[in-house]
Protein backbone atom coordinates (compact mmCIF):
# COMPACT_ATOMS: atom_id res chain seq x y z
CA UNK A 1 0.00 0.00 0.00
CA UNK A 2 1.39 3.39 -0.98
CA UNK A 3 1.16 5.90 1.86
CA UNK A 4 0.61 9.59 1.20
CA UNK A 5 1.33 12.47 3.58
CA UNK A 6 -2.17 12.27 5.16
CA UNK A 7 -1.64 8.55 5.90
CA UNK A 8 1.68 9.35 7.58
CA UNK A 9 -0.02 12.08 9.65
CA UNK A 10 -2.69 9.57 10.71
CA UNK A 11 -0.05 7.00 11.71
CA UNK A 12 1.91 9.58 13.69
CA UNK A 13 -1.18 10.81 15.52
CA UNK A 14 -2.49 7.33 16.32
CA UNK A 15 0.91 6.25 17.67
CA UNK A 16 0.87 9.24 20.02
CA UNK A 17 -2.75 8.70 21.11
CA UNK A 18 -4.84 5.89 19.63
CA UNK A 19 -7.77 6.81 21.91
CA UNK A 20 -8.53 10.12 20.23
CA UNK A 21 -11.72 10.27 18.20
CA UNK A 22 -11.45 10.03 14.45
CA UNK A 23 -13.51 13.21 14.17
CA UNK A 24 -11.02 15.25 16.22
CA UNK A 25 -8.09 13.67 14.43
CA UNK A 26 -9.71 14.44 11.07
CA UNK A 27 -10.15 18.08 12.04
CA UNK A 28 -6.48 18.38 12.93
CA UNK A 29 -5.22 16.97 9.64
CA UNK A 30 -7.97 18.37 7.40
CA UNK A 31 -10.26 15.40 6.74
CA UNK A 32 -13.94 14.86 7.46
CA UNK A 33 -14.88 12.15 9.95
CA UNK A 34 -16.14 9.80 7.18
CA UNK A 35 -12.95 10.31 5.14
CA UNK A 36 -10.87 9.78 8.26
CA UNK A 37 -12.75 6.60 9.12
CA UNK A 38 -12.32 5.28 5.57
CA UNK A 39 -8.56 5.92 5.60
CA UNK A 40 -8.08 4.23 8.98
CA UNK A 41 -10.13 1.23 7.82
CA UNK A 42 -7.97 0.96 4.68
CA UNK A 43 -4.79 1.15 6.78
CA UNK A 44 -6.15 -1.60 9.03
CA UNK A 45 -7.28 -3.80 6.11
CA UNK A 46 -3.88 -3.44 4.43
CA UNK A 47 -2.14 -4.54 7.64
CA UNK A 48 -0.36 -1.20 8.08
CA UNK A 49 -2.17 -0.73 11.40
CA UNK A 50 -1.83 -4.09 13.14
CA UNK A 51 -3.82 -3.22 16.25
CA UNK A 52 -4.19 -0.92 19.21
CA UNK A 53 -2.81 -1.42 22.69
CA UNK A 54 -1.97 0.22 25.98
CA UNK A 55 1.61 0.95 27.08
CA UNK A 56 1.98 -0.51 30.55
CA UNK A 57 4.64 0.66 33.00
CA UNK A 58 6.66 -2.44 33.82
CA UNK A 59 7.90 -0.82 37.03
CA UNK A 60 4.37 -0.04 38.21
CA UNK A 61 3.25 -3.66 37.74
CA UNK A 62 6.21 -5.01 39.71
CA UNK A 63 8.57 -5.81 36.83
CA UNK A 64 11.16 -3.11 37.44
CA UNK A 65 14.17 -5.10 36.22
CA UNK A 66 14.91 -5.79 32.57
CA UNK A 67 17.64 -7.71 30.81
CA UNK A 68 18.81 -8.22 27.26
CA UNK A 69 19.95 -11.78 26.58
CA UNK A 70 22.02 -12.82 23.60
CA UNK A 71 21.65 -16.50 22.77
CA UNK A 72 23.99 -18.56 20.64
CA UNK A 73 22.89 -22.03 19.63
CA UNK A 74 22.90 -24.49 16.74
CA UNK A 75 20.31 -24.58 13.99
CA UNK A 76 18.75 -27.75 15.40
CA UNK A 77 17.65 -25.85 18.54
CA UNK A 78 16.10 -22.79 16.85
CA UNK A 79 12.56 -24.19 16.92
CA UNK A 80 12.93 -25.25 20.57
CA UNK A 81 13.99 -21.71 21.50
CA UNK A 82 10.99 -20.22 19.75
CA UNK A 83 8.76 -22.48 21.86
CA UNK A 84 10.64 -21.53 25.04
CA UNK A 85 10.27 -17.80 24.34
CA UNK A 86 6.52 -18.20 23.93
CA UNK A 87 6.24 -20.20 27.14
CA UNK A 88 8.30 -17.94 29.42
CA UNK A 89 6.04 -15.09 30.55
CA UNK A 90 8.98 -12.80 31.37
CA UNK A 91 10.11 -12.77 27.72
CA UNK A 92 8.79 -9.55 26.17
CA UNK A 93 10.51 -9.70 22.78
CA UNK A 94 12.71 -12.13 20.92
CA UNK A 95 14.43 -11.32 17.65
CA UNK A 96 16.20 -13.88 15.48
CA UNK A 97 19.35 -12.22 14.20
CA UNK A 98 22.37 -12.76 11.99
CA UNK A 99 25.93 -12.92 13.25
CA UNK A 100 27.49 -15.00 15.99
CA UNK A 101 24.38 -14.88 18.18
CA UNK A 102 21.07 -16.36 17.06
CA UNK A 103 18.61 -14.39 19.20
CA UNK A 104 18.35 -11.16 21.16
CA UNK A 105 15.72 -11.44 23.89
CA UNK A 106 14.28 -8.72 26.16
CA UNK A 107 12.95 -9.91 29.52
CA UNK A 108 11.25 -8.15 32.42
CA UNK A 109 11.21 -9.52 35.96
CA UNK A 110 10.79 -8.43 39.56
CA UNK A 111 13.90 -9.81 41.26
CA UNK A 112 17.32 -11.17 40.27
CA UNK A 113 16.34 -14.75 41.16
CA UNK A 114 13.77 -14.60 38.35
CA UNK A 115 16.52 -13.76 35.87
CA UNK A 116 18.52 -16.73 37.09
CA UNK A 117 15.55 -19.03 36.39
CA UNK A 118 15.16 -17.60 32.88
CA UNK A 119 18.88 -17.91 32.09
CA UNK A 120 18.93 -21.49 33.37
CA UNK A 121 15.97 -22.41 31.15
CA UNK A 122 17.47 -20.76 28.06
CA UNK A 123 21.02 -22.05 28.60
CA UNK A 124 19.84 -25.64 28.20
CA UNK A 125 20.47 -25.56 24.43
CA UNK A 126 23.15 -22.91 23.96
CA UNK A 127 25.15 -20.12 25.51
CA UNK A 128 23.47 -17.06 27.02
CA UNK A 129 25.07 -13.65 27.53
CA UNK A 130 23.12 -11.34 29.82
CA UNK A 131 23.11 -7.55 30.16
CA UNK A 132 20.95 -5.71 32.68
CA UNK A 133 19.05 -2.72 31.31
CA UNK A 134 19.86 0.45 33.26
CA UNK A 135 17.27 2.61 31.49
CA UNK A 136 15.30 2.84 28.27
CA UNK A 137 17.19 5.76 26.76
CA UNK A 138 15.28 5.87 23.46
CA UNK A 139 11.97 4.23 22.65
CA UNK A 140 10.31 5.08 19.36
CA UNK A 141 7.37 4.01 17.29
CA UNK A 142 7.48 3.74 13.51
CA UNK A 143 9.21 6.81 12.06
CA UNK A 144 6.73 9.52 11.17
CA UNK A 145 7.99 9.55 7.61
CA UNK A 146 10.94 7.39 6.56
CA UNK A 147 13.82 9.09 4.78
CA UNK A 148 13.00 7.18 1.59
CA UNK A 149 9.48 8.70 1.40
CA UNK A 150 9.26 10.72 -1.86
CA UNK A 151 6.97 13.34 -0.19
CA UNK A 152 9.70 14.07 2.36
C-alpha atoms as a PDB file:
ATOM      1  CA  UNK A   1       0.000   0.000   0.000  1.00  0.00           C
ATOM      2  CA  UNK A   2       1.395   3.395  -0.979  1.00  0.00           C
ATOM      3  CA  UNK A   3       1.160   5.904   1.861  1.00  0.00           C
ATOM      4  CA  UNK A   4       0.608   9.590   1.201  1.00  0.00           C
ATOM      5  CA  UNK A   5       1.328  12.467   3.581  1.00  0.00           C
ATOM      6  CA  UNK A   6      -2.173  12.272   5.156  1.00  0.00           C
ATOM      7  CA  UNK A   7      -1.637   8.554   5.903  1.00  0.00           C
ATOM      8  CA  UNK A   8       1.675   9.348   7.580  1.00  0.00           C
ATOM      9  CA  UNK A   9      -0.023  12.078   9.646  1.00  0.00           C
ATOM     10  CA  UNK A  10      -2.686   9.574  10.713  1.00  0.00           C
ATOM     11  CA  UNK A  11      -0.047   6.999  11.706  1.00  0.00           C
ATOM     12  CA  UNK A  12       1.914   9.581  13.686  1.00  0.00           C
ATOM     13  CA  UNK A  13      -1.179  10.812  15.517  1.00  0.00           C
ATOM     14  CA  UNK A  14      -2.487   7.326  16.321  1.00  0.00           C
ATOM     15  CA  UNK A  15       0.907   6.250  17.674  1.00  0.00           C
ATOM     16  CA  UNK A  16       0.865   9.235  20.021  1.00  0.00           C
ATOM     17  CA  UNK A  17      -2.753   8.701  21.110  1.00  0.00           C
ATOM     18  CA  UNK A  18      -4.844   5.891  19.633  1.00  0.00           C
ATOM     19  CA  UNK A  19      -7.766   6.809  21.906  1.00  0.00           C
ATOM     20  CA  UNK A  20      -8.533  10.120  20.229  1.00  0.00           C
ATOM     21  CA  UNK A  21     -11.717  10.270  18.197  1.00  0.00           C
ATOM     22  CA  UNK A  22     -11.452  10.029  14.447  1.00  0.00           C
ATOM     23  CA  UNK A  23     -13.509  13.208  14.168  1.00  0.00           C
ATOM     24  CA  UNK A  24     -11.019  15.254  16.224  1.00  0.00           C
ATOM     25  CA  UNK A  25      -8.087  13.670  14.427  1.00  0.00           C
ATOM     26  CA  UNK A  26      -9.707  14.440  11.072  1.00  0.00           C
ATOM     27  CA  UNK A  27     -10.150  18.084  12.036  1.00  0.00           C
ATOM     28  CA  UNK A  28      -6.475  18.375  12.934  1.00  0.00           C
ATOM     29  CA  UNK A  29      -5.223  16.969   9.640  1.00  0.00           C
ATOM     30  CA  UNK A  30      -7.966  18.374   7.396  1.00  0.00           C
ATOM     31  CA  UNK A  31     -10.255  15.404   6.736  1.00  0.00           C
ATOM     32  CA  UNK A  32     -13.942  14.861   7.459  1.00  0.00           C
ATOM     33  CA  UNK A  33     -14.882  12.153   9.951  1.00  0.00           C
ATOM     34  CA  UNK A  34     -16.140   9.797   7.182  1.00  0.00           C
ATOM     35  CA  UNK A  35     -12.954  10.313   5.137  1.00  0.00           C
ATOM     36  CA  UNK A  36     -10.871   9.782   8.255  1.00  0.00           C
ATOM     37  CA  UNK A  37     -12.746   6.603   9.124  1.00  0.00           C
ATOM     38  CA  UNK A  38     -12.319   5.278   5.573  1.00  0.00           C
ATOM     39  CA  UNK A  39      -8.559   5.918   5.598  1.00  0.00           C
ATOM     40  CA  UNK A  40      -8.083   4.227   8.979  1.00  0.00           C
ATOM     41  CA  UNK A  41     -10.126   1.226   7.823  1.00  0.00           C
ATOM     42  CA  UNK A  42      -7.972   0.956   4.681  1.00  0.00           C
ATOM     43  CA  UNK A  43      -4.790   1.147   6.780  1.00  0.00           C
ATOM     44  CA  UNK A  44      -6.145  -1.604   9.032  1.00  0.00           C
ATOM     45  CA  UNK A  45      -7.277  -3.795   6.112  1.00  0.00           C
ATOM     46  CA  UNK A  46      -3.881  -3.438   4.429  1.00  0.00           C
ATOM     47  CA  UNK A  47      -2.137  -4.539   7.639  1.00  0.00           C
ATOM     48  CA  UNK A  48      -0.363  -1.195   8.078  1.00  0.00           C
ATOM     49  CA  UNK A  49      -2.172  -0.734  11.400  1.00  0.00           C
ATOM     50  CA  UNK A  50      -1.827  -4.090  13.144  1.00  0.00           C
ATOM     51  CA  UNK A  51      -3.819  -3.224  16.249  1.00  0.00           C
ATOM     52  CA  UNK A  52      -4.192  -0.917  19.213  1.00  0.00           C
ATOM     53  CA  UNK A  53      -2.808  -1.421  22.692  1.00  0.00           C
ATOM     54  CA  UNK A  54      -1.970   0.224  25.985  1.00  0.00           C
ATOM     55  CA  UNK A  55       1.606   0.946  27.082  1.00  0.00           C
ATOM     56  CA  UNK A  56       1.984  -0.508  30.553  1.00  0.00           C
ATOM     57  CA  UNK A  57       4.641   0.659  32.997  1.00  0.00           C
ATOM     58  CA  UNK A  58       6.661  -2.444  33.825  1.00  0.00           C
ATOM     59  CA  UNK A  59       7.904  -0.820  37.028  1.00  0.00           C
ATOM     60  CA  UNK A  60       4.372  -0.042  38.212  1.00  0.00           C
ATOM     61  CA  UNK A  61       3.251  -3.656  37.736  1.00  0.00           C
ATOM     62  CA  UNK A  62       6.213  -5.007  39.706  1.00  0.00           C
ATOM     63  CA  UNK A  63       8.573  -5.814  36.827  1.00  0.00           C
ATOM     64  CA  UNK A  64      11.157  -3.111  37.436  1.00  0.00           C
ATOM     65  CA  UNK A  65      14.174  -5.099  36.216  1.00  0.00           C
ATOM     66  CA  UNK A  66      14.909  -5.789  32.570  1.00  0.00           C
ATOM     67  CA  UNK A  67      17.643  -7.706  30.811  1.00  0.00           C
ATOM     68  CA  UNK A  68      18.808  -8.223  27.262  1.00  0.00           C
ATOM     69  CA  UNK A  69      19.946 -11.775  26.583  1.00  0.00           C
ATOM     70  CA  UNK A  70      22.016 -12.824  23.596  1.00  0.00           C
ATOM     71  CA  UNK A  71      21.645 -16.500  22.769  1.00  0.00           C
ATOM     72  CA  UNK A  72      23.989 -18.558  20.640  1.00  0.00           C
ATOM     73  CA  UNK A  73      22.886 -22.035  19.628  1.00  0.00           C
ATOM     74  CA  UNK A  74      22.904 -24.487  16.737  1.00  0.00           C
ATOM     75  CA  UNK A  75      20.311 -24.581  13.991  1.00  0.00           C
ATOM     76  CA  UNK A  76      18.755 -27.750  15.399  1.00  0.00           C
ATOM     77  CA  UNK A  77      17.653 -25.851  18.540  1.00  0.00           C
ATOM     78  CA  UNK A  78      16.098 -22.786  16.854  1.00  0.00           C
ATOM     79  CA  UNK A  79      12.556 -24.188  16.915  1.00  0.00           C
ATOM     80  CA  UNK A  80      12.932 -25.246  20.567  1.00  0.00           C
ATOM     81  CA  UNK A  81      13.994 -21.709  21.504  1.00  0.00           C
ATOM     82  CA  UNK A  82      10.989 -20.216  19.751  1.00  0.00           C
ATOM     83  CA  UNK A  83       8.761 -22.480  21.858  1.00  0.00           C
ATOM     84  CA  UNK A  84      10.639 -21.529  25.039  1.00  0.00           C
ATOM     85  CA  UNK A  85      10.275 -17.801  24.339  1.00  0.00           C
ATOM     86  CA  UNK A  86       6.523 -18.196  23.927  1.00  0.00           C
ATOM     87  CA  UNK A  87       6.236 -20.203  27.140  1.00  0.00           C
ATOM     88  CA  UNK A  88       8.300 -17.941  29.419  1.00  0.00           C
ATOM     89  CA  UNK A  89       6.036 -15.086  30.551  1.00  0.00           C
ATOM     90  CA  UNK A  90       8.977 -12.795  31.367  1.00  0.00           C
ATOM     91  CA  UNK A  91      10.108 -12.773  27.719  1.00  0.00           C
ATOM     92  CA  UNK A  92       8.786  -9.548  26.172  1.00  0.00           C
ATOM     93  CA  UNK A  93      10.514  -9.701  22.784  1.00  0.00           C
ATOM     94  CA  UNK A  94      12.708 -12.130  20.919  1.00  0.00           C
ATOM     95  CA  UNK A  95      14.428 -11.320  17.651  1.00  0.00           C
ATOM     96  CA  UNK A  96      16.201 -13.878  15.484  1.00  0.00           C
ATOM     97  CA  UNK A  97      19.347 -12.216  14.198  1.00  0.00           C
ATOM     98  CA  UNK A  98      22.366 -12.762  11.993  1.00  0.00           C
ATOM     99  CA  UNK A  99      25.933 -12.916  13.250  1.00  0.00           C
ATOM    100  CA  UNK A 100      27.487 -14.997  15.994  1.00  0.00           C
ATOM    101  CA  UNK A 101      24.379 -14.881  18.181  1.00  0.00           C
ATOM    102  CA  UNK A 102      21.068 -16.362  17.061  1.00  0.00           C
ATOM    103  CA  UNK A 103      18.613 -14.385  19.197  1.00  0.00           C
ATOM    104  CA  UNK A 104      18.348 -11.161  21.165  1.00  0.00           C
ATOM    105  CA  UNK A 105      15.722 -11.435  23.885  1.00  0.00           C
ATOM    106  CA  UNK A 106      14.283  -8.723  26.159  1.00  0.00           C
ATOM    107  CA  UNK A 107      12.950  -9.906  29.520  1.00  0.00           C
ATOM    108  CA  UNK A 108      11.250  -8.146  32.425  1.00  0.00           C
ATOM    109  CA  UNK A 109      11.207  -9.516  35.956  1.00  0.00           C
ATOM    110  CA  UNK A 110      10.788  -8.433  39.560  1.00  0.00           C
ATOM    111  CA  UNK A 111      13.900  -9.809  41.256  1.00  0.00           C
ATOM    112  CA  UNK A 112      17.324 -11.174  40.266  1.00  0.00           C
ATOM    113  CA  UNK A 113      16.336 -14.746  41.165  1.00  0.00           C
ATOM    114  CA  UNK A 114      13.767 -14.600  38.350  1.00  0.00           C
ATOM    115  CA  UNK A 115      16.516 -13.757  35.867  1.00  0.00           C
ATOM    116  CA  UNK A 116      18.517 -16.731  37.093  1.00  0.00           C
ATOM    117  CA  UNK A 117      15.552 -19.030  36.387  1.00  0.00           C
ATOM    118  CA  UNK A 118      15.163 -17.595  32.880  1.00  0.00           C
ATOM    119  CA  UNK A 119      18.877 -17.909  32.095  1.00  0.00           C
ATOM    120  CA  UNK A 120      18.930 -21.492  33.371  1.00  0.00           C
ATOM    121  CA  UNK A 121      15.973 -22.408  31.147  1.00  0.00           C
ATOM    122  CA  UNK A 122      17.472 -20.757  28.063  1.00  0.00           C
ATOM    123  CA  UNK A 123      21.018 -22.051  28.598  1.00  0.00           C
ATOM    124  CA  UNK A 124      19.840 -25.639  28.201  1.00  0.00           C
ATOM    125  CA  UNK A 125      20.469 -25.558  24.432  1.00  0.00           C
ATOM    126  CA  UNK A 126      23.148 -22.912  23.956  1.00  0.00           C
ATOM    127  CA  UNK A 127      25.153 -20.118  25.510  1.00  0.00           C
ATOM    128  CA  UNK A 128      23.471 -17.060  27.023  1.00  0.00           C
ATOM    129  CA  UNK A 129      25.074 -13.648  27.527  1.00  0.00           C
ATOM    130  CA  UNK A 130      23.124 -11.337  29.819  1.00  0.00           C
ATOM    131  CA  UNK A 131      23.109  -7.549  30.156  1.00  0.00           C
ATOM    132  CA  UNK A 132      20.949  -5.707  32.676  1.00  0.00           C
ATOM    133  CA  UNK A 133      19.047  -2.718  31.311  1.00  0.00           C
ATOM    134  CA  UNK A 134      19.858   0.452  33.256  1.00  0.00           C
ATOM    135  CA  UNK A 135      17.268   2.606  31.490  1.00  0.00           C
ATOM    136  CA  UNK A 136      15.301   2.838  28.270  1.00  0.00           C
ATOM    137  CA  UNK A 137      17.186   5.758  26.761  1.00  0.00           C
ATOM    138  CA  UNK A 138      15.282   5.871  23.461  1.00  0.00           C
ATOM    139  CA  UNK A 139      11.975   4.227  22.646  1.00  0.00           C
ATOM    140  CA  UNK A 140      10.312   5.080  19.360  1.00  0.00           C
ATOM    141  CA  UNK A 141       7.371   4.006  17.293  1.00  0.00           C
ATOM    142  CA  UNK A 142       7.477   3.744  13.510  1.00  0.00           C
ATOM    143  CA  UNK A 143       9.205   6.813  12.064  1.00  0.00           C
ATOM    144  CA  UNK A 144       6.728   9.525  11.170  1.00  0.00           C
ATOM    145  CA  UNK A 145       7.991   9.551   7.608  1.00  0.00           C
ATOM    146  CA  UNK A 146      10.936   7.393   6.557  1.00  0.00           C
ATOM    147  CA  UNK A 147      13.820   9.088   4.775  1.00  0.00           C
ATOM    148  CA  UNK A 148      13.005   7.181   1.591  1.00  0.00           C
ATOM    149  CA  UNK A 149       9.476   8.705   1.397  1.00  0.00           C
ATOM    150  CA  UNK A 150       9.263  10.722  -1.860  1.00  0.00           C
ATOM    151  CA  UNK A 151       6.975  13.336  -0.190  1.00  0.00           C
ATOM    152  CA  UNK A 152       9.703  14.069   2.357  1.00  0.00           C
END
